Amino acid sequence: MERLHLSVNTICNHIQKIRYKFNAHSKLQAVATAVREGILDPHRGAGS
C-alpha cells in the first residue's frame, strides 16, 4: 500500500475548504451533508 506524505497544515486546509463548500460549521455537519447529498456512502468503510 502506498502512503501519501501530507503535512497537518495541508490536511487542515483541505478540511476548511470542504466545510466552506458545504457551508458547514463543523466537520460533522460537512459529513452529514455529504451523506445526505449522496457524495459519501456511510456503509462503505475507510480504505474500501
C-alpha atoms as a PDB file:
ATOM      1  CA  MET A   1       0.000   0.000   0.000  1.00  0.00           C
ATOM      2  CA  GLU A   2       1.325   3.454  -0.910  1.00  0.00           C
ATOM      3  CA  ARG A   3       1.269   6.271   1.611  1.00  0.00           C
ATOM      4  CA  LEU A   4       0.659   9.932   0.991  1.00  0.00           C
ATOM      5  CA  HIS A   5       3.030  12.319   2.700  1.00  0.00           C
ATOM      6  CA  LEU A   6       0.883  15.311   3.632  1.00  0.00           C
ATOM      7  CA  SER A   7       1.506  17.870   6.332  1.00  0.00           C
ATOM      8  CA  VAL A   8      -1.028  18.563   9.059  1.00  0.00           C
ATOM      9  CA  ASN A   9      -1.392  22.058   7.628  1.00  0.00           C
ATOM     10  CA  THR A  10      -2.336  20.636   4.207  1.00  0.00           C
ATOM     11  CA  ILE A  11      -4.984  18.377   5.759  1.00  0.00           C
ATOM     12  CA  CYS A  12      -6.451  21.266   7.790  1.00  0.00           C
ATOM     13  CA  ASN A  13      -6.534  23.400   4.647  1.00  0.00           C
ATOM     14  CA  HIS A  14      -8.497  20.735   2.727  1.00  0.00           C
ATOM     15  CA  ILE A  15     -10.941  20.258   5.595  1.00  0.00           C
ATOM     16  CA  GLN A  16     -11.534  24.001   5.795  1.00  0.00           C
ATOM     17  CA  LYS A  17     -12.229  24.189   2.044  1.00  0.00           C
ATOM     18  CA  ILE A  18     -14.664  21.262   2.215  1.00  0.00           C
ATOM     19  CA  ARG A  19     -16.513  22.859   5.145  1.00  0.00           C
ATOM     20  CA  TYR A  20     -16.730  26.132   3.192  1.00  0.00           C
ATOM     21  CA  LYS A  21     -18.136  24.405   0.087  1.00  0.00           C
ATOM     22  CA  PHE A  22     -20.809  22.674   2.193  1.00  0.00           C
ATOM     23  CA  ASN A  23     -21.441  25.838   4.234  1.00  0.00           C
ATOM     24  CA  ALA A  24     -20.824  23.682   7.309  1.00  0.00           C
ATOM     25  CA  HIS A  25     -19.847  24.952  10.743  1.00  0.00           C
ATOM     26  CA  SER A  26     -18.190  21.681  11.758  1.00  0.00           C
ATOM     27  CA  LYS A  27     -16.639  18.569  10.264  1.00  0.00           C
ATOM     28  CA  LEU A  28     -19.629  16.561  11.486  1.00  0.00           C
ATOM     29  CA  GLN A  29     -22.028  18.885   9.675  1.00  0.00           C
ATOM     30  CA  ALA A  30     -19.943  18.568   6.486  1.00  0.00           C
ATOM     31  CA  VAL A  31     -20.030  14.760   6.709  1.00  0.00           C
ATOM     32  CA  ALA A  32     -23.786  14.759   7.340  1.00  0.00           C
ATOM     33  CA  THR A  33     -24.325  16.974   4.294  1.00  0.00           C
ATOM     34  CA  ALA A  34     -22.119  14.730   2.127  1.00  0.00           C
ATOM     35  CA  VAL A  35     -24.089  11.645   3.206  1.00  0.00           C
ATOM     36  CA  ARG A  36     -27.444  13.378   2.634  1.00  0.00           C
ATOM     37  CA  GLU A  37     -26.355  14.517  -0.857  1.00  0.00           C
ATOM     38  CA  GLY A  38     -25.108  11.017  -1.762  1.00  0.00           C
ATOM     39  CA  ILE A  39     -21.475  12.143  -2.067  1.00  0.00           C
ATOM     40  CA  LEU A  40     -20.352   9.918   0.805  1.00  0.00           C
ATOM     41  CA  ASP A  41     -21.551   6.351   1.384  1.00  0.00           C
ATOM     42  CA  PRO A  42     -21.787   5.689   5.142  1.00  0.00           C
ATOM     43  CA  HIS A  43     -21.902   1.918   4.557  1.00  0.00           C
ATOM     44  CA  ARG A  44     -18.528   1.822   2.838  1.00  0.00           C
ATOM     45  CA  GLY A  45     -15.603   1.598   5.230  1.00  0.00           C
ATOM     46  CA  ALA A  46     -12.433   3.686   5.008  1.00  0.00           C
ATOM     47  CA  GLY A  47      -9.967   2.239   2.541  1.00  0.00           C
ATOM     48  CA  SER A  48     -12.591   0.018   0.873  1.00  0.00           C
END
